[in-house]
């Protein structure tokens, strides 16, 4: 694969229990969160240290949000610019999917951002569209309340509705499996641009059986012969 979006309203609400402790790429701990099944509005619970809960709206990023999004990633990652620059580069690329660049808004203030963009799954000379989740960040004073999880769930929901079949990411192996992500190497998929541990490069199926289908296709293509992992890979632009 090579790495090179409008909100709906929902009616039902579902309470999702998430671990109160756990490292995440936005640096937050989790608590409980109520998410409306067809809307972008979330009621985020208060924190264990007594902090008050607040309402969060998950919506598509607009041009007016871009400066705030840059500040979110700078604050979430201790002043490091890599994540904000990555978001800027993706917006200017062919892989940008506007509906999958999401912000979390609370009290008319943008407190979180997540971006899912297009990638290519490369198998020899063949390439198939897929998705990659990066970056994701939450302002420090909004962390620990499930904002990051709400962004991820909404992104997964939208990607499923758009017909995509897989999402990849580089992330903490103790956090992202709760959203259905698992090590990509277990399915014979490798990341070519970066040297990262196998357990942090992960994939999530959006279409059930897609990884098994890819494995069967590869076996048929190569006549059952074991092939090098770099024949079938995720290559990020």
C-alpha atoms as a PDB file:
ATOM      1  CA  UNK A   1       0.000   0.000   0.000  1.00  0.00           C
ATOM      2  CA  UNK A   2       1.158   3.555  -0.652  1.00  0.00           C
ATOM      3  CA  UNK A   3       0.079   6.434   1.573  1.00  0.00           C
ATOM      4  CA  UNK A   4      -0.071   9.144  -0.406  1.00  0.00           C
ATOM      5  CA  UNK A   5     -15.810  14.059   4.315  1.00  0.00           C
ATOM      6  CA  UNK A   6     -20.278  15.888   6.108  1.00  0.00           C
ATOM      7  CA  UNK A   7     -21.791  14.924   9.382  1.00  0.00           C
ATOM      8  CA  UNK A   8     -25.103  13.098   9.863  1.00  0.00           C
ATOM      9  CA  UNK A   9     -27.467  13.475  12.794  1.00  0.00           C
ATOM     10  CA  UNK A  10     -28.217  10.428  14.926  1.00  0.00           C
ATOM     11  CA  UNK A  11     -30.928   9.638  17.422  1.00  0.00           C
ATOM     12  CA  UNK A  12     -30.075   6.648  19.617  1.00  0.00           C
ATOM     13  CA  UNK A  13     -27.439   6.837  22.301  1.00  0.00           C
ATOM     14  CA  UNK A  14     -25.176   4.040  23.466  1.00  0.00           C
ATOM     15  CA  UNK A  15     -22.958   4.068  26.530  1.00  0.00           C
ATOM     16  CA  UNK A  16     -19.495   2.739  25.813  1.00  0.00           C
ATOM     17  CA  UNK A  17     -17.255   1.789  28.711  1.00  0.00           C
ATOM     18  CA  UNK A  18     -13.586   2.366  28.007  1.00  0.00           C
ATOM     19  CA  UNK A  19     -10.660   1.690  30.339  1.00  0.00           C
ATOM     20  CA  UNK A  20      -9.954   4.490  32.784  1.00  0.00           C
ATOM     21  CA  UNK A  21      -6.242   3.945  32.361  1.00  0.00           C
ATOM     22  CA  UNK A  22      -4.358   3.306  29.145  1.00  0.00           C
ATOM     23  CA  UNK A  23      -1.808   5.023  26.998  1.00  0.00           C
ATOM     24  CA  UNK A  24      -2.978   6.494  23.691  1.00  0.00           C
ATOM     25  CA  UNK A  25      -1.287   8.319  20.866  1.00  0.00           C
ATOM     26  CA  UNK A  26      -2.929  11.562  22.008  1.00  0.00           C
ATOM     27  CA  UNK A  27      -1.549  10.946  25.523  1.00  0.00           C
ATOM     28  CA  UNK A  28      -4.935  10.507  27.185  1.00  0.00           C
ATOM     29  CA  UNK A  29      -6.468   8.098  29.663  1.00  0.00           C
ATOM     30  CA  UNK A  30      -9.935   6.737  29.004  1.00  0.00           C
ATOM     31  CA  UNK A  31     -13.200   6.951  30.926  1.00  0.00           C
ATOM     32  CA  UNK A  32     -16.835   6.261  30.003  1.00  0.00           C
ATOM     33  CA  UNK A  33     -18.459   8.083  27.108  1.00  0.00           C
ATOM     34  CA  UNK A  34     -21.970   8.263  25.677  1.00  0.00           C
ATOM     35  CA  UNK A  35     -22.076   8.441  21.894  1.00  0.00           C
ATOM     36  CA  UNK A  36     -25.173   8.953  19.787  1.00  0.00           C
ATOM     37  CA  UNK A  37     -25.320   6.182  17.209  1.00  0.00           C
ATOM     38  CA  UNK A  38     -26.257   8.324  14.209  1.00  0.00           C
ATOM     39  CA  UNK A  39     -25.113  11.755  15.333  1.00  0.00           C
ATOM     40  CA  UNK A  40     -21.839  13.513  15.873  1.00  0.00           C
ATOM     41  CA  UNK A  41     -22.665  14.689  19.410  1.00  0.00           C
ATOM     42  CA  UNK A  42     -21.005  12.978  22.387  1.00  0.00           C
ATOM     43  CA  UNK A  43     -21.638  13.391  26.111  1.00  0.00           C
ATOM     44  CA  UNK A  44     -18.216  12.898  27.667  1.00  0.00           C
ATOM     45  CA  UNK A  45     -18.042  11.778  31.291  1.00  0.00           C
ATOM     46  CA  UNK A  46     -16.327  13.573  34.115  1.00  0.00           C
ATOM     47  CA  UNK A  47     -12.828  12.434  35.041  1.00  0.00           C
ATOM     48  CA  UNK A  48     -11.915  10.442  38.129  1.00  0.00           C
ATOM     49  CA  UNK A  49     -10.104  13.448  39.580  1.00  0.00           C
ATOM     50  CA  UNK A  50     -13.421  15.299  39.761  1.00  0.00           C
ATOM     51  CA  UNK A  51     -13.221  17.220  36.513  1.00  0.00           C
ATOM     52  CA  UNK A  52     -16.598  18.088  35.032  1.00  0.00           C
ATOM     53  CA  UNK A  53     -17.988  16.315  31.997  1.00  0.00           C
ATOM     54  CA  UNK A  54     -18.780  18.214  28.805  1.00  0.00           C
ATOM     55  CA  UNK A  55     -20.529  17.797  25.478  1.00  0.00           C
ATOM     56  CA  UNK A  56     -18.387  17.087  22.442  1.00  0.00           C
ATOM     57  CA  UNK A  57     -19.474  17.385  18.832  1.00  0.00           C
ATOM     58  CA  UNK A  58     -17.568  15.289  16.296  1.00  0.00           C
ATOM     59  CA  UNK A  59     -17.736  16.906  12.883  1.00  0.00           C
ATOM     60  CA  UNK A  60     -15.861  17.348   9.622  1.00  0.00           C
ATOM     61  CA  UNK A  61     -12.913  19.723   9.705  1.00  0.00           C
ATOM     62  CA  UNK A  62     -13.374  23.028   7.850  1.00  0.00           C
ATOM     63  CA  UNK A  63     -10.794  25.523   6.589  1.00  0.00           C
ATOM     64  CA  UNK A  64     -11.560  27.679   9.625  1.00  0.00           C
ATOM     65  CA  UNK A  65     -10.339  24.859  11.911  1.00  0.00           C
ATOM     66  CA  UNK A  66      -6.872  24.441  10.415  1.00  0.00           C
ATOM     67  CA  UNK A  67      -4.997  26.836  12.713  1.00  0.00           C
ATOM     68  CA  UNK A  68      -6.701  25.344  15.770  1.00  0.00           C
ATOM     69  CA  UNK A  69      -5.852  21.841  14.559  1.00  0.00           C
ATOM     70  CA  UNK A  70      -2.184  22.775  14.268  1.00  0.00           C
ATOM     71  CA  UNK A  71      -2.219  24.048  17.850  1.00  0.00           C
ATOM     72  CA  UNK A  72      -3.921  20.861  19.052  1.00  0.00           C
ATOM     73  CA  UNK A  73      -1.166  18.647  17.682  1.00  0.00           C
ATOM     74  CA  UNK A  74       1.587  20.932  18.957  1.00  0.00           C
ATOM     75  CA  UNK A  75       0.072  20.913  22.458  1.00  0.00           C
ATOM     76  CA  UNK A  76      -0.725  17.185  22.456  1.00  0.00           C
ATOM     77  CA  UNK A  77       2.816  16.232  21.476  1.00  0.00           C
ATOM     78  CA  UNK A  78       4.784  18.630  23.645  1.00  0.00           C
ATOM     79  CA  UNK A  79       5.549  21.195  20.955  1.00  0.00           C
ATOM     80  CA  UNK A  80       6.723  18.669  18.370  1.00  0.00           C
ATOM     81  CA  UNK A  81       5.724  19.763  14.855  1.00  0.00           C
ATOM     82  CA  UNK A  82       5.744  16.389  13.081  1.00  0.00           C
ATOM     83  CA  UNK A  83       2.033  15.681  13.506  1.00  0.00           C
ATOM     84  CA  UNK A  84       0.792  19.144  12.512  1.00  0.00           C
ATOM     85  CA  UNK A  85       3.051  19.126   9.464  1.00  0.00           C
ATOM     86  CA  UNK A  86       1.818  15.650   8.538  1.00  0.00           C
ATOM     87  CA  UNK A  87      -1.793  16.869   8.612  1.00  0.00           C
ATOM     88  CA  UNK A  88      -0.845  19.850   6.414  1.00  0.00           C
ATOM     89  CA  UNK A  89       0.899  17.596   3.882  1.00  0.00           C
ATOM     90  CA  UNK A  90      -2.001  15.171   3.696  1.00  0.00           C
ATOM     91  CA  UNK A  91      -4.515  17.986   3.061  1.00  0.00           C
ATOM     92  CA  UNK A  92      -2.509  18.940  -0.036  1.00  0.00           C
ATOM     93  CA  UNK A  93      -2.160  15.350  -1.286  1.00  0.00           C
ATOM     94  CA  UNK A  94      -4.259  13.159  -3.547  1.00  0.00           C
ATOM     95  CA  UNK A  95      -4.918  10.933  -0.550  1.00  0.00           C
ATOM     96  CA  UNK A  96      -6.899  13.525   1.396  1.00  0.00           C
ATOM     97  CA  UNK A  97     -10.501  12.499   2.148  1.00  0.00           C
ATOM     98  CA  UNK A  98     -12.294  15.584   3.564  1.00  0.00           C
ATOM     99  CA  UNK A  99     -15.049  13.548   5.262  1.00  0.00           C
ATOM    100  CA  UNK A 100     -12.397  11.672   7.263  1.00  0.00           C
ATOM    101  CA  UNK A 101     -10.620  14.708   8.704  1.00  0.00           C
ATOM    102  CA  UNK A 102     -12.570  15.087  11.942  1.00  0.00           C
ATOM    103  CA  UNK A 103     -12.526  17.546  14.817  1.00  0.00           C
ATOM    104  CA  UNK A 104     -13.977  17.314  18.320  1.00  0.00           C
ATOM    105  CA  UNK A 105     -15.649  20.565  19.392  1.00  0.00           C
ATOM    106  CA  UNK A 106     -16.569  21.412  23.000  1.00  0.00           C
ATOM    107  CA  UNK A 107     -17.955  24.734  24.217  1.00  0.00           C
ATOM    108  CA  UNK A 108     -17.398  26.259  20.741  1.00  0.00           C
ATOM    109  CA  UNK A 109     -13.729  25.283  21.003  1.00  0.00           C
ATOM    110  CA  UNK A 110     -11.971  22.626  18.930  1.00  0.00           C
ATOM    111  CA  UNK A 111     -10.271  20.244  21.392  1.00  0.00           C
ATOM    112  CA  UNK A 112      -9.312  17.259  19.236  1.00  0.00           C
ATOM    113  CA  UNK A 113      -8.486  16.206  15.694  1.00  0.00           C
ATOM    114  CA  UNK A 114      -8.084  12.945  13.794  1.00  0.00           C
ATOM    115  CA  UNK A 115      -7.255  12.364  10.144  1.00  0.00           C
ATOM    116  CA  UNK A 116      -7.768   9.230   8.070  1.00  0.00           C
ATOM    117  CA  UNK A 117      -6.371   9.377   4.538  1.00  0.00           C
ATOM    118  CA  UNK A 118      -6.091   7.147   1.487  1.00  0.00           C
ATOM    119  CA  UNK A 119      -3.241   4.731   0.956  1.00  0.00           C
ATOM    120  CA  UNK A 120      -2.423   1.965  -1.496  1.00  0.00           C
ATOM    121  CA  UNK A 121      -2.016  -1.722  -0.760  1.00  0.00           C
ATOM    122  CA  UNK A 122       0.765  -2.801  -3.114  1.00  0.00           C
ATOM    123  CA  UNK A 123       1.094  -6.396  -4.257  1.00  0.00           C
ATOM    124  CA  UNK A 124       3.859  -6.532  -6.819  1.00  0.00           C
ATOM    125  CA  UNK A 125       2.582  -4.384  -9.684  1.00  0.00           C
ATOM    126  CA  UNK A 126      -1.003  -4.286  -8.373  1.00  0.00           C
ATOM    127  CA  UNK A 127      -2.341  -1.606  -6.013  1.00  0.00           C
ATOM    128  CA  UNK A 128      -5.630  -1.304  -4.110  1.00  0.00           C
ATOM    129  CA  UNK A 129      -6.996   1.716  -2.249  1.00  0.00           C
ATOM    130  CA  UNK A 130      -7.049   1.520   1.540  1.00  0.00           C
ATOM    131  CA  UNK A 131      -6.829   3.929   4.523  1.00  0.00           C
ATOM    132  CA  UNK A 132      -4.314   5.048   7.148  1.00  0.00           C
ATOM    133  CA  UNK A 133      -5.163   6.745  10.468  1.00  0.00           C
ATOM    134  CA  UNK A 134      -2.702   9.525  11.366  1.00  0.00           C
ATOM    135  CA  UNK A 135      -2.405  11.902  13.072  1.00  0.00           C
ATOM    136  CA  UNK A 136      -4.692  12.054  16.102  1.00  0.00           C
ATOM    137  CA  UNK A 137      -4.377  14.517  18.989  1.00  0.00           C
ATOM    138  CA  UNK A 138      -6.368  16.014  21.885  1.00  0.00           C
ATOM    139  CA  UNK A 139      -5.628  19.185  23.859  1.00  0.00           C
ATOM    140  CA  UNK A 140      -4.061  18.368  27.246  1.00  0.00           C
ATOM    141  CA  UNK A 141      -6.959  19.878  29.227  1.00  0.00           C
ATOM    142  CA  UNK A 142      -9.446  17.679  27.341  1.00  0.00           C
ATOM    143  CA  UNK A 143      -7.469  14.448  27.634  1.00  0.00           C
ATOM    144  CA  UNK A 144      -8.579  11.525  29.755  1.00  0.00           C
ATOM    145  CA  UNK A 145     -12.264  11.909  28.836  1.00  0.00           C
ATOM    146  CA  UNK A 146     -12.656   9.663  25.810  1.00  0.00           C
ATOM    147  CA  UNK A 147     -12.391  12.382  23.146  1.00  0.00           C
ATOM    148  CA  UNK A 148      -9.795  10.425  21.175  1.00  0.00           C
ATOM    149  CA  UNK A 149     -11.928   7.303  21.292  1.00  0.00           C
ATOM    150  CA  UNK A 150     -14.973   9.209  20.051  1.00  0.00           C
ATOM    151  CA  UNK A 151     -12.974  10.525  17.085  1.00  0.00           C
ATOM    152  CA  UNK A 152     -11.701   7.043  16.232  1.00  0.00           C
ATOM    153  CA  UNK A 153     -15.150   5.453  16.416  1.00  0.00           C
ATOM    154  CA  UNK A 154     -16.693   8.137  14.215  1.00  0.00           C
ATOM    155  CA  UNK A 155     -13.857   7.789  11.704  1.00  0.00           C
ATOM    156  CA  UNK A 156     -14.290   4.017  11.559  1.00  0.00           C
ATOM    157  CA  UNK A 157     -18.063   4.421  11.123  1.00  0.00           C
ATOM    158  CA  UNK A 158     -17.661   6.884   8.253  1.00  0.00           C
ATOM    159  CA  UNK A 159     -14.984   4.793   6.537  1.00  0.00           C
ATOM    160  CA  UNK A 160     -17.250   1.737   6.681  1.00  0.00           C
ATOM    161  CA  UNK A 161     -20.138   3.701   5.183  1.00  0.00           C
ATOM    162  CA  UNK A 162     -17.855   4.923   2.386  1.00  0.00           C
ATOM    163  CA  UNK A 163     -17.040   1.333   1.443  1.00  0.00           C
ATOM    164  CA  UNK A 164     -13.404   1.108   2.514  1.00  0.00           C
ATOM    165  CA  UNK A 165     -12.244  -2.300   3.689  1.00  0.00           C
ATOM    166  CA  UNK A 166      -9.123  -1.733   5.823  1.00  0.00           C
ATOM    167  CA  UNK A 167      -7.541   0.945   8.039  1.00  0.00           C
ATOM    168  CA  UNK A 168      -3.859   0.887   9.029  1.00  0.00           C
ATOM    169  CA  UNK A 169      -1.997   2.852  11.710  1.00  0.00           C
ATOM    170  CA  UNK A 170       1.158   3.070  13.784  1.00  0.00           C
ATOM    171  CA  UNK A 171       0.054   3.212  17.408  1.00  0.00           C
ATOM    172  CA  UNK A 172       0.330   1.976  20.962  1.00  0.00           C
ATOM    173  CA  UNK A 173      -0.301  -1.808  21.083  1.00  0.00           C
ATOM    174  CA  UNK A 174      -2.143  -1.640  24.409  1.00  0.00           C
ATOM    175  CA  UNK A 175      -4.664   0.979  23.243  1.00  0.00           C
ATOM    176  CA  UNK A 176      -5.751   0.480  19.648  1.00  0.00           C
ATOM    177  CA  UNK A 177      -6.772  -3.211  19.866  1.00  0.00           C
ATOM    178  CA  UNK A 178      -9.891  -2.098  21.791  1.00  0.00           C
ATOM    179  CA  UNK A 179     -11.057  -0.536  18.486  1.00  0.00           C
ATOM    180  CA  UNK A 180     -10.428  -3.765  16.566  1.00  0.00           C
ATOM    181  CA  UNK A 181      -6.858  -3.124  15.386  1.00  0.00           C
ATOM    182  CA  UNK A 182      -4.299  -5.947  15.370  1.00  0.00           C
ATOM    183  CA  UNK A 183      -0.677  -6.376  14.178  1.00  0.00           C
ATOM    184  CA  UNK A 184      -0.566  -6.196  10.384  1.00  0.00           C
ATOM    185  CA  UNK A 185       2.420  -8.537  10.184  1.00  0.00           C
ATOM    186  CA  UNK A 186       0.108 -11.372  11.258  1.00  0.00           C
ATOM    187  CA  UNK A 187      -1.561 -10.968   7.860  1.00  0.00           C
ATOM    188  CA  UNK A 188       1.730 -10.719   5.949  1.00  0.00           C
ATOM    189  CA  UNK A 189       1.630  -6.921   5.609  1.00  0.00           C
ATOM    190  CA  UNK A 190       4.661  -4.710   6.260  1.00  0.00           C
ATOM    191  CA  UNK A 191       5.374  -0.971   6.362  1.00  0.00           C
ATOM    192  CA  UNK A 192       8.233  -0.010   4.060  1.00  0.00           C
ATOM    193  CA  UNK A 193       9.058   3.614   4.939  1.00  0.00           C
ATOM    194  CA  UNK A 194       9.650   3.270   8.666  1.00  0.00           C
ATOM    195  CA  UNK A 195      11.425   0.741  10.832  1.00  0.00           C
ATOM    196  CA  UNK A 196       8.918   0.151  13.641  1.00  0.00           C
ATOM    197  CA  UNK A 197       8.207  -2.821  15.933  1.00  0.00           C
ATOM    198  CA  UNK A 198       5.760  -5.314  14.472  1.00  0.00           C
ATOM    199  CA  UNK A 199       3.221  -4.798  17.262  1.00  0.00           C
ATOM    200  CA  UNK A 200       2.765  -1.033  16.620  1.00  0.00           C
ATOM    201  CA  UNK A 201       1.954  -1.331  12.900  1.00  0.00           C
ATOM    202  CA  UNK A 202      -1.687  -2.386  12.988  1.00  0.00           C
ATOM    203  CA  UNK A 203      -4.663  -2.989  10.729  1.00  0.00           C
ATOM    204  CA  UNK A 204      -8.429  -3.080  11.268  1.00  0.00           C
ATOM    205  CA  UNK A 205     -10.914  -4.788   8.979  1.00  0.00           C
ATOM    206  CA  UNK A 206     -13.894  -2.680   7.943  1.00  0.00           C
ATOM    207  CA  UNK A 207     -15.217  -5.494   5.741  1.00  0.00           C
ATOM    208  CA  UNK A 208     -15.317  -8.849   7.525  1.00  0.00           C
ATOM    209  CA  UNK A 209     -12.985 -11.407   5.950  1.00  0.00           C
ATOM    210  CA  UNK A 210     -11.007  -8.878   3.906  1.00  0.00           C
ATOM    211  CA  UNK A 211      -7.628  -9.950   5.316  1.00  0.00           C
ATOM    212  CA  UNK A 212      -8.408 -13.609   4.641  1.00  0.00           C
ATOM    213  CA  UNK A 213      -9.490 -12.690   1.120  1.00  0.00           C
ATOM    214  CA  UNK A 214      -6.207 -10.869   0.517  1.00  0.00           C
ATOM    215  CA  UNK A 215      -4.232 -13.851   1.808  1.00  0.00           C
ATOM    216  CA  UNK A 216      -6.149 -16.230  -0.463  1.00  0.00           C
ATOM    217  CA  UNK A 217      -5.619 -13.939  -3.447  1.00  0.00           C
ATOM    218  CA  UNK A 218      -1.898 -13.798  -2.758  1.00  0.00           C
ATOM    219  CA  UNK A 219      -1.680 -17.579  -2.416  1.00  0.00           C
ATOM    220  CA  UNK A 220      -3.467 -18.053  -5.746  1.00  0.00           C
ATOM    221  CA  UNK A 221      -1.359 -15.386  -7.465  1.00  0.00           C
ATOM    222  CA  UNK A 222       1.937 -16.906  -6.381  1.00  0.00           C
ATOM    223  CA  UNK A 223       0.867 -20.534  -6.694  1.00  0.00           C
ATOM    224  CA  UNK A 224       1.118 -21.186  -2.973  1.00  0.00           C
ATOM    225  CA  UNK A 225       4.812 -20.238  -2.939  1.00  0.00           C
ATOM    226  CA  UNK A 226       6.019 -18.321   0.130  1.00  0.00           C
ATOM    227  CA  UNK A 227       6.916 -14.773  -0.965  1.00  0.00           C
ATOM    228  CA  UNK A 228       8.962 -12.004   0.618  1.00  0.00           C
ATOM    229  CA  UNK A 229       6.872  -9.633   2.802  1.00  0.00           C
ATOM    230  CA  UNK A 230       7.941  -6.646   0.694  1.00  0.00           C
ATOM    231  CA  UNK A 231       6.013  -8.107  -2.239  1.00  0.00           C
ATOM    232  CA  UNK A 232       2.793  -7.366  -0.354  1.00  0.00           C
ATOM    233  CA  UNK A 233       3.146  -4.186   1.647  1.00  0.00           C
ATOM    234  CA  UNK A 234       1.876  -0.826   2.870  1.00  0.00           C
ATOM    235  CA  UNK A 235       4.016   1.963   1.439  1.00  0.00           C
ATOM    236  CA  UNK A 236       3.330   5.419   2.836  1.00  0.00           C
ATOM    237  CA  UNK A 237       3.922   8.538   0.731  1.00  0.00           C
END
